[in-house]
Every structure is written in C-alpha cells, then in structure tokens.
Amino acid sequence: MRVRVFIDFWNFQLTWNERGGGARCDWTMLPTALVNAASGAIGPAGLGALTLEETRVYAGYEAGRESQLGNWLHNFLDRQPGVRVFTSERHWRKQPVYCPNCRTEHETCVVCGADFGRAAEKTIDARIVTDLVGLAWEDAYDVAILVSADKDFIPAVEHVQAKNFKVINATWRKRGHQLAKVAWASFYLDDVAARIARA
C-alpha cells in the first residue's frame, strides 16, 4: 500500500510545543514513526505493508519575523529524502481587540504599547485539500496519513474515501475527534511522541 503523508505544520507543532515536555521534534524521524503507527492502526484489517512514497509538509510563516523558520523549512526540512515542503507567506495585520467590559476596541496593549494583530494564513488548508484530492485523482497513493485536527478537512476526506482511498488521521488526544471519526482509521500522536523527541 503506497502512502503519502500530509502534515499541517502549525496544527502539529503548536500542540507539540504544549505536550513535548520541552523536547524538540526530530522531523527526520517523524515520517517513519507516522507510517509505523499507521501500520499498527490498520493491522487488524489485513491490508498489507505500508510503503512511504512521500511526506508533504504545509506551513505558513512571516517572512520578516519568522525568517529563521523559513530557512529551516526550505534549507533543512525540504532537503530530507522524500520530503516536500510547501509554504505560504503570512501577512501580519493590525486587529483591534474588543473589551466586552468597557465596550471599546483597543488597538494597542495598555501595558507595553504593542499593536494588537495577527498573521493570517489563508492558503495552507486549501493547498492540503487540493493535494489530497488531486493526488488521489492521479492515483499517486493508496493510503493518506493526514496529520491534523482541523475539521475543515472532513469534506475532502469523505470525498477521497468515497473513491476507495484510505485516510488515516494522526491527531492528538482530546483534539480533532470529528476528523478522526470520519477517517478510515486514526491514531494518537501522543503515542509516537517519545520516539520522535530530541533532548
């Protein structure tokens, strides 16, 4: 069974930061750990061995503020065997914060004076959906491992599974149960965390 791995970078990384106990994730070990965990999850179904074809990582970053992350994504991770990285530049915009207590909007922090705002990431989810469906259309995999807890992927997962492709969801405990529920199989990233942690 040919496997392609689709990793929603920030969906994975933010929870890793919470639960990793201060350790860094060894991204060179992550694809193999995911395939091994998926093999265990589908073992009772008797589908046969899983063969990793490619790992796709989708990440947004701010070019100015997160240039170190951009360098790591393009100059390290993208150079690993069988790994392709797809990035989108996030643009930071001012965004006032509404206080329901005083019923006013505040553009800056009253303590430090920093502007309130956020970096919007609009194209990453669309790219994952496009590739998940498009590569199925091209018959480029038998099994997709989708690393995300985002329920927005449910329609795409249901669509490819209706065409007899299998989607295995890798998610964290107490996150993304809706996506895991519609996937053909699922497993918890918490169970593989120890194998991919770097001191």
C-alpha atoms as a PDB file:
ATOM      1  CA  MET A   1       0.000   0.000   0.000  1.00  0.00           C
ATOM      2  CA  ARG A   2       1.555   3.282  -1.173  1.00  0.00           C
ATOM      3  CA  VAL A   3       1.458   6.007   1.473  1.00  0.00           C
ATOM      4  CA  ARG A   4       1.653   9.750   1.241  1.00  0.00           C
ATOM      5  CA  VAL A   5       1.833  11.804   4.435  1.00  0.00           C
ATOM      6  CA  PHE A   6       0.215  15.252   4.621  1.00  0.00           C
ATOM      7  CA  ILE A   7       1.334  17.344   7.612  1.00  0.00           C
ATOM      8  CA  ASP A   8      -0.445  20.528   8.655  1.00  0.00           C
ATOM      9  CA  PHE A   9       2.702  22.039  10.228  1.00  0.00           C
ATOM     10  CA  TRP A  10       1.226  24.517  12.698  1.00  0.00           C
ATOM     11  CA  ASN A  11      -1.623  22.221  13.683  1.00  0.00           C
ATOM     12  CA  PHE A  12       1.018  19.664  14.662  1.00  0.00           C
ATOM     13  CA  GLN A  13       3.712  21.996  16.015  1.00  0.00           C
ATOM     14  CA  LEU A  14       1.590  24.117  18.358  1.00  0.00           C
ATOM     15  CA  THR A  15       0.318  21.058  20.226  1.00  0.00           C
ATOM     16  CA  TRP A  16       3.821  19.564  20.231  1.00  0.00           C
ATOM     17  CA  ASN A  17       5.002  22.771  21.925  1.00  0.00           C
ATOM     18  CA  GLU A  18       2.369  22.213  24.635  1.00  0.00           C
ATOM     19  CA  ARG A  19       2.923  18.490  25.144  1.00  0.00           C
ATOM     20  CA  GLY A  20       6.515  17.836  24.137  1.00  0.00           C
ATOM     21  CA  GLY A  21       7.891  18.451  27.623  1.00  0.00           C
ATOM     22  CA  GLY A  22      10.429  20.941  26.305  1.00  0.00           C
ATOM     23  CA  ALA A  23      11.913  18.478  23.804  1.00  0.00           C
ATOM     24  CA  ARG A  24      12.182  19.276  20.124  1.00  0.00           C
ATOM     25  CA  CYS A  25      10.565  17.122  17.486  1.00  0.00           C
ATOM     26  CA  ASP A  26      13.009  15.159  15.329  1.00  0.00           C
ATOM     27  CA  TRP A  27      11.446  15.829  11.950  1.00  0.00           C
ATOM     28  CA  THR A  28      13.834  13.393  10.256  1.00  0.00           C
ATOM     29  CA  MET A  29      12.248  10.568  12.277  1.00  0.00           C
ATOM     30  CA  LEU A  30       8.645  11.767  12.047  1.00  0.00           C
ATOM     31  CA  PRO A  31       7.628  10.217   8.674  1.00  0.00           C
ATOM     32  CA  THR A  32       8.827   6.721   9.634  1.00  0.00           C
ATOM     33  CA  ALA A  33       7.194   6.981  13.069  1.00  0.00           C
ATOM     34  CA  LEU A  34       3.902   8.006  11.444  1.00  0.00           C
ATOM     35  CA  VAL A  35       3.949   5.098   8.987  1.00  0.00           C
ATOM     36  CA  ASN A  36       4.783   2.618  11.775  1.00  0.00           C
ATOM     37  CA  ALA A  37       1.921   3.939  13.912  1.00  0.00           C
ATOM     38  CA  ALA A  38      -0.455   3.801  10.940  1.00  0.00           C
ATOM     39  CA  SER A  39       0.601   0.199  10.273  1.00  0.00           C
ATOM     40  CA  GLY A  40      -0.354  -0.667  13.838  1.00  0.00           C
ATOM     41  CA  ALA A  41      -3.700   1.125  13.491  1.00  0.00           C
ATOM     42  CA  ILE A  42      -4.704  -0.808  10.359  1.00  0.00           C
ATOM     43  CA  GLY A  43      -3.054  -4.122  11.232  1.00  0.00           C
ATOM     44  CA  PRO A  44      -6.311  -5.911  12.105  1.00  0.00           C
ATOM     45  CA  ALA A  45      -7.742  -5.003   8.678  1.00  0.00           C
ATOM     46  CA  GLY A  46      -5.049  -7.072   6.937  1.00  0.00           C
ATOM     47  CA  LEU A  47      -4.309  -4.569   4.176  1.00  0.00           C
ATOM     48  CA  GLY A  48      -0.629  -5.466   3.933  1.00  0.00           C
ATOM     49  CA  ALA A  49       2.520  -3.426   4.382  1.00  0.00           C
ATOM     50  CA  LEU A  50       2.617   0.338   4.048  1.00  0.00           C
ATOM     51  CA  THR A  51       5.335   1.843   1.837  1.00  0.00           C
ATOM     52  CA  LEU A  52       6.163   5.521   2.295  1.00  0.00           C
ATOM     53  CA  GLU A  53       6.216   7.363  -1.028  1.00  0.00           C
ATOM     54  CA  GLU A  54       6.424  10.969   0.127  1.00  0.00           C
ATOM     55  CA  THR A  55       5.907  13.316   3.062  1.00  0.00           C
ATOM     56  CA  ARG A  56       4.372  16.717   2.365  1.00  0.00           C
ATOM     57  CA  VAL A  57       4.659  19.494   4.942  1.00  0.00           C
ATOM     58  CA  TYR A  58       2.475  22.597   4.651  1.00  0.00           C
ATOM     59  CA  ALA A  59       3.478  25.683   6.626  1.00  0.00           C
ATOM     60  CA  GLY A  60       2.886  29.398   6.684  1.00  0.00           C
ATOM     61  CA  TYR A  61       5.380  31.862   8.112  1.00  0.00           C
ATOM     62  CA  GLU A  62       6.001  35.579   8.314  1.00  0.00           C
ATOM     63  CA  ALA A  63       8.959  36.407   6.093  1.00  0.00           C
ATOM     64  CA  GLY A  64      10.279  39.191   8.311  1.00  0.00           C
ATOM     65  CA  ARG A  65       9.526  37.921  11.814  1.00  0.00           C
ATOM     66  CA  GLU A  66       9.957  34.194  11.185  1.00  0.00           C
ATOM     67  CA  SER A  67      12.828  34.126   8.703  1.00  0.00           C
ATOM     68  CA  GLN A  68      14.674  31.518  10.807  1.00  0.00           C
ATOM     69  CA  LEU A  69      11.694  29.176  10.473  1.00  0.00           C
ATOM     70  CA  GLY A  70      11.584  29.826   6.731  1.00  0.00           C
ATOM     71  CA  ASN A  71      15.270  28.962   6.409  1.00  0.00           C
ATOM     72  CA  TRP A  72      14.774  25.730   8.370  1.00  0.00           C
ATOM     73  CA  LEU A  73      11.763  24.724   6.282  1.00  0.00           C
ATOM     74  CA  HIS A  74      13.474  25.375   2.937  1.00  0.00           C
ATOM     75  CA  ASN A  75      17.130  24.668   3.641  1.00  0.00           C
ATOM     76  CA  PHE A  76      16.832  21.719   6.027  1.00  0.00           C
ATOM     77  CA  LEU A  77      13.436  20.029   6.035  1.00  0.00           C
ATOM     78  CA  ASP A  78      12.809  20.309   2.296  1.00  0.00           C
ATOM     79  CA  ARG A  79      16.188  18.648   1.649  1.00  0.00           C
ATOM     80  CA  GLN A  80      15.354  15.493   3.597  1.00  0.00           C
ATOM     81  CA  PRO A  81      14.800  12.366   1.468  1.00  0.00           C
ATOM     82  CA  GLY A  82      11.187  12.024   0.363  1.00  0.00           C
ATOM     83  CA  VAL A  83      10.086  15.307   1.966  1.00  0.00           C
ATOM     84  CA  ARG A  84       8.500  18.213   0.118  1.00  0.00           C
ATOM     85  CA  VAL A  85       7.709  21.488   1.868  1.00  0.00           C
ATOM     86  CA  PHE A  86       5.028  23.883   0.692  1.00  0.00           C
ATOM     87  CA  THR A  87       4.984  27.319   2.278  1.00  0.00           C
ATOM     88  CA  SER A  88       2.808  30.381   2.204  1.00  0.00           C
ATOM     89  CA  GLU A  89       3.779  33.786   3.462  1.00  0.00           C
ATOM     90  CA  ARG A  90       1.611  35.007   6.296  1.00  0.00           C
ATOM     91  CA  HIS A  91       0.904  38.724   6.458  1.00  0.00           C
ATOM     92  CA  TRP A  92       0.600  40.435   9.806  1.00  0.00           C
ATOM     93  CA  ARG A  93      -2.263  42.904  10.126  1.00  0.00           C
ATOM     94  CA  LYS A  94      -3.417  45.144  12.917  1.00  0.00           C
ATOM     95  CA  GLN A  95      -6.554  43.825  14.568  1.00  0.00           C
ATOM     96  CA  PRO A  96      -8.163  45.703  17.444  1.00  0.00           C
ATOM     97  CA  VAL A  97      -9.316  43.750  20.478  1.00  0.00           C
ATOM     98  CA  TYR A  98     -12.843  44.348  21.776  1.00  0.00           C
ATOM     99  CA  CYS A  99     -13.335  44.551  25.533  1.00  0.00           C
ATOM    100  CA  PRO A 100     -16.862  43.467  26.493  1.00  0.00           C
ATOM    101  CA  ASN A 101     -16.457  45.047  29.909  1.00  0.00           C
ATOM    102  CA  CYS A 102     -15.890  48.641  28.774  1.00  0.00           C
ATOM    103  CA  ARG A 103     -17.358  48.058  25.297  1.00  0.00           C
ATOM    104  CA  THR A 104     -14.464  49.618  23.443  1.00  0.00           C
ATOM    105  CA  GLU A 105     -11.885  48.419  20.966  1.00  0.00           C
ATOM    106  CA  HIS A 106      -8.189  48.731  21.765  1.00  0.00           C
ATOM    107  CA  GLU A 107      -5.513  48.824  19.083  1.00  0.00           C
ATOM    108  CA  THR A 108      -2.541  48.646  21.450  1.00  0.00           C
ATOM    109  CA  CYS A 109      -1.647  46.955  24.704  1.00  0.00           C
ATOM    110  CA  VAL A 110      -2.058  49.317  27.673  1.00  0.00           C
ATOM    111  CA  VAL A 111       0.972  47.740  29.387  1.00  0.00           C
ATOM    112  CA  CYS A 112       3.652  47.638  26.687  1.00  0.00           C
ATOM    113  CA  GLY A 113       2.132  49.641  23.837  1.00  0.00           C
ATOM    114  CA  ALA A 114       2.442  46.824  21.278  1.00  0.00           C
ATOM    115  CA  ASP A 115      -0.076  46.733  18.457  1.00  0.00           C
ATOM    116  CA  PHE A 116      -2.741  44.033  18.582  1.00  0.00           C
ATOM    117  CA  GLY A 117      -2.939  41.966  15.435  1.00  0.00           C
ATOM    118  CA  ARG A 118      -2.479  38.569  13.861  1.00  0.00           C
ATOM    119  CA  ALA A 119      -0.807  36.898  10.955  1.00  0.00           C
ATOM    120  CA  ALA A 120      -3.387  35.463   8.577  1.00  0.00           C
ATOM    121  CA  GLU A 121      -2.759  32.122   6.889  1.00  0.00           C
ATOM    122  CA  LYS A 122      -5.282  31.614   4.135  1.00  0.00           C
ATOM    123  CA  THR A 123      -3.834  29.257   1.543  1.00  0.00           C
ATOM    124  CA  ILE A 124      -2.360  26.350   3.524  1.00  0.00           C
ATOM    125  CA  ASP A 125      -5.600  24.448   4.186  1.00  0.00           C
ATOM    126  CA  ALA A 126      -6.688  24.911   0.573  1.00  0.00           C
ATOM    127  CA  ARG A 127      -3.351  23.538  -0.631  1.00  0.00           C
ATOM    128  CA  ILE A 128      -3.663  20.448   1.578  1.00  0.00           C
ATOM    129  CA  VAL A 129      -7.190  19.770   0.292  1.00  0.00           C
ATOM    130  CA  THR A 130      -6.106  20.293  -3.320  1.00  0.00           C
ATOM    131  CA  ASP A 131      -3.182  17.899  -2.970  1.00  0.00           C
ATOM    132  CA  LEU A 132      -5.141  15.285  -1.004  1.00  0.00           C
ATOM    133  CA  VAL A 133      -7.828  15.172  -3.713  1.00  0.00           C
ATOM    134  CA  GLY A 134      -5.545  15.834  -6.693  1.00  0.00           C
ATOM    135  CA  LEU A 135      -3.030  13.124  -5.843  1.00  0.00           C
ATOM    136  CA  ALA A 136      -5.877  10.665  -5.287  1.00  0.00           C
ATOM    137  CA  TRP A 137      -7.209  11.597  -8.733  1.00  0.00           C
ATOM    138  CA  GLU A 138      -3.738  10.866 -10.150  1.00  0.00           C
ATOM    139  CA  ASP A 139      -3.694   7.513  -8.301  1.00  0.00           C
ATOM    140  CA  ALA A 140      -0.497   8.597  -6.515  1.00  0.00           C
ATOM    141  CA  TYR A 141      -1.310   6.835  -3.230  1.00  0.00           C
ATOM    142  CA  ASP A 142      -3.444   4.124  -1.697  1.00  0.00           C
ATOM    143  CA  VAL A 143      -3.319   5.473   1.855  1.00  0.00           C
ATOM    144  CA  ALA A 144      -3.025   9.065   3.036  1.00  0.00           C
ATOM    145  CA  ILE A 145      -1.861   9.875   6.548  1.00  0.00           C
ATOM    146  CA  LEU A 146      -3.318  13.265   7.411  1.00  0.00           C
ATOM    147  CA  VAL A 147      -1.612  14.926  10.373  1.00  0.00           C
ATOM    148  CA  SER A 148      -4.115  17.489  11.571  1.00  0.00           C
ATOM    149  CA  ALA A 149      -7.008  18.011  13.961  1.00  0.00           C
ATOM    150  CA  ASP A 150      -8.758  20.508  11.676  1.00  0.00           C
ATOM    151  CA  LYS A 151     -12.378  19.552  10.994  1.00  0.00           C
ATOM    152  CA  ASP A 152     -12.308  21.686   7.825  1.00  0.00           C
ATOM    153  CA  PHE A 153     -10.674  18.694   6.116  1.00  0.00           C
ATOM    154  CA  ILE A 154     -13.700  16.449   6.686  1.00  0.00           C
ATOM    155  CA  PRO A 155     -15.352  17.032   3.255  1.00  0.00           C
ATOM    156  CA  ALA A 156     -12.084  16.283   1.419  1.00  0.00           C
ATOM    157  CA  VAL A 157     -11.507  13.143   3.495  1.00  0.00           C
ATOM    158  CA  GLU A 158     -15.041  11.931   2.843  1.00  0.00           C
ATOM    159  CA  HIS A 159     -14.621  12.618  -0.880  1.00  0.00           C
ATOM    160  CA  VAL A 160     -11.398  10.635  -1.360  1.00  0.00           C
ATOM    161  CA  GLN A 161     -12.669   7.792   0.806  1.00  0.00           C
ATOM    162  CA  ALA A 162     -15.790   7.579  -1.376  1.00  0.00           C
ATOM    163  CA  LYS A 163     -13.361   6.750  -4.215  1.00  0.00           C
ATOM    164  CA  ASN A 164     -11.845   3.859  -2.196  1.00  0.00           C
ATOM    165  CA  PHE A 165      -8.741   5.650  -0.948  1.00  0.00           C
ATOM    166  CA  LYS A 166      -7.963   5.242   2.732  1.00  0.00           C
ATOM    167  CA  VAL A 167      -7.270   8.226   5.009  1.00  0.00           C
ATOM    168  CA  ILE A 168      -5.645   7.632   8.376  1.00  0.00           C
ATOM    169  CA  ASN A 169      -5.838  10.582  10.730  1.00  0.00           C
ATOM    170  CA  ALA A 170      -2.949  11.288  13.096  1.00  0.00           C
ATOM    171  CA  THR A 171      -4.111  13.624  15.826  1.00  0.00           C
ATOM    172  CA  TRP A 172      -3.504  14.477  19.462  1.00  0.00           C
ATOM    173  CA  ARG A 173      -5.627  13.174  22.301  1.00  0.00           C
ATOM    174  CA  LYS A 174      -8.590  15.446  23.052  1.00  0.00           C
ATOM    175  CA  ARG A 175      -8.118  17.215  19.710  1.00  0.00           C
ATOM    176  CA  GLY A 176      -9.797  16.720  16.363  1.00  0.00           C
ATOM    177  CA  HIS A 177     -12.134  13.874  17.271  1.00  0.00           C
ATOM    178  CA  GLN A 178     -14.514  14.909  14.463  1.00  0.00           C
ATOM    179  CA  LEU A 179     -11.860  14.430  11.774  1.00  0.00           C
ATOM    180  CA  ALA A 180     -10.663  11.175  13.358  1.00  0.00           C
ATOM    181  CA  LYS A 181     -14.238   9.907  13.413  1.00  0.00           C
ATOM    182  CA  VAL A 182     -14.720  10.213   9.632  1.00  0.00           C
ATOM    183  CA  ALA A 183     -11.255   8.929   8.728  1.00  0.00           C
ATOM    184  CA  TRP A 184     -10.904   5.258   7.790  1.00  0.00           C
ATOM    185  CA  ALA A 185      -8.565   4.798  10.766  1.00  0.00           C
ATOM    186  CA  SER A 186      -6.770   7.005  13.258  1.00  0.00           C
ATOM    187  CA  PHE A 187      -4.064   7.016  15.902  1.00  0.00           C
ATOM    188  CA  TYR A 188      -2.772   9.398  18.537  1.00  0.00           C
ATOM    189  CA  LEU A 189       0.387  11.413  18.029  1.00  0.00           C
ATOM    190  CA  ASP A 190       0.847  11.290  21.811  1.00  0.00           C
ATOM    191  CA  ASP A 191       1.718   7.598  21.403  1.00  0.00           C
ATOM    192  CA  VAL A 192       4.588   8.305  18.996  1.00  0.00           C
ATOM    193  CA  ALA A 193       5.896  11.450  20.670  1.00  0.00           C
ATOM    194  CA  ALA A 194       8.565   9.642  22.705  1.00  0.00           C
ATOM    195  CA  ARG A 195      10.054   8.105  19.541  1.00  0.00           C
ATOM    196  CA  ILE A 196      10.471  11.454  17.784  1.00  0.00           C
ATOM    197  CA  ALA A 197      11.565  13.628  20.718  1.00  0.00           C
ATOM    198  CA  ARG A 198      15.045  15.137  20.753  1.00  0.00           C
ATOM    199  CA  ALA A 199      16.539  16.081  24.105  1.00  0.00           C
END
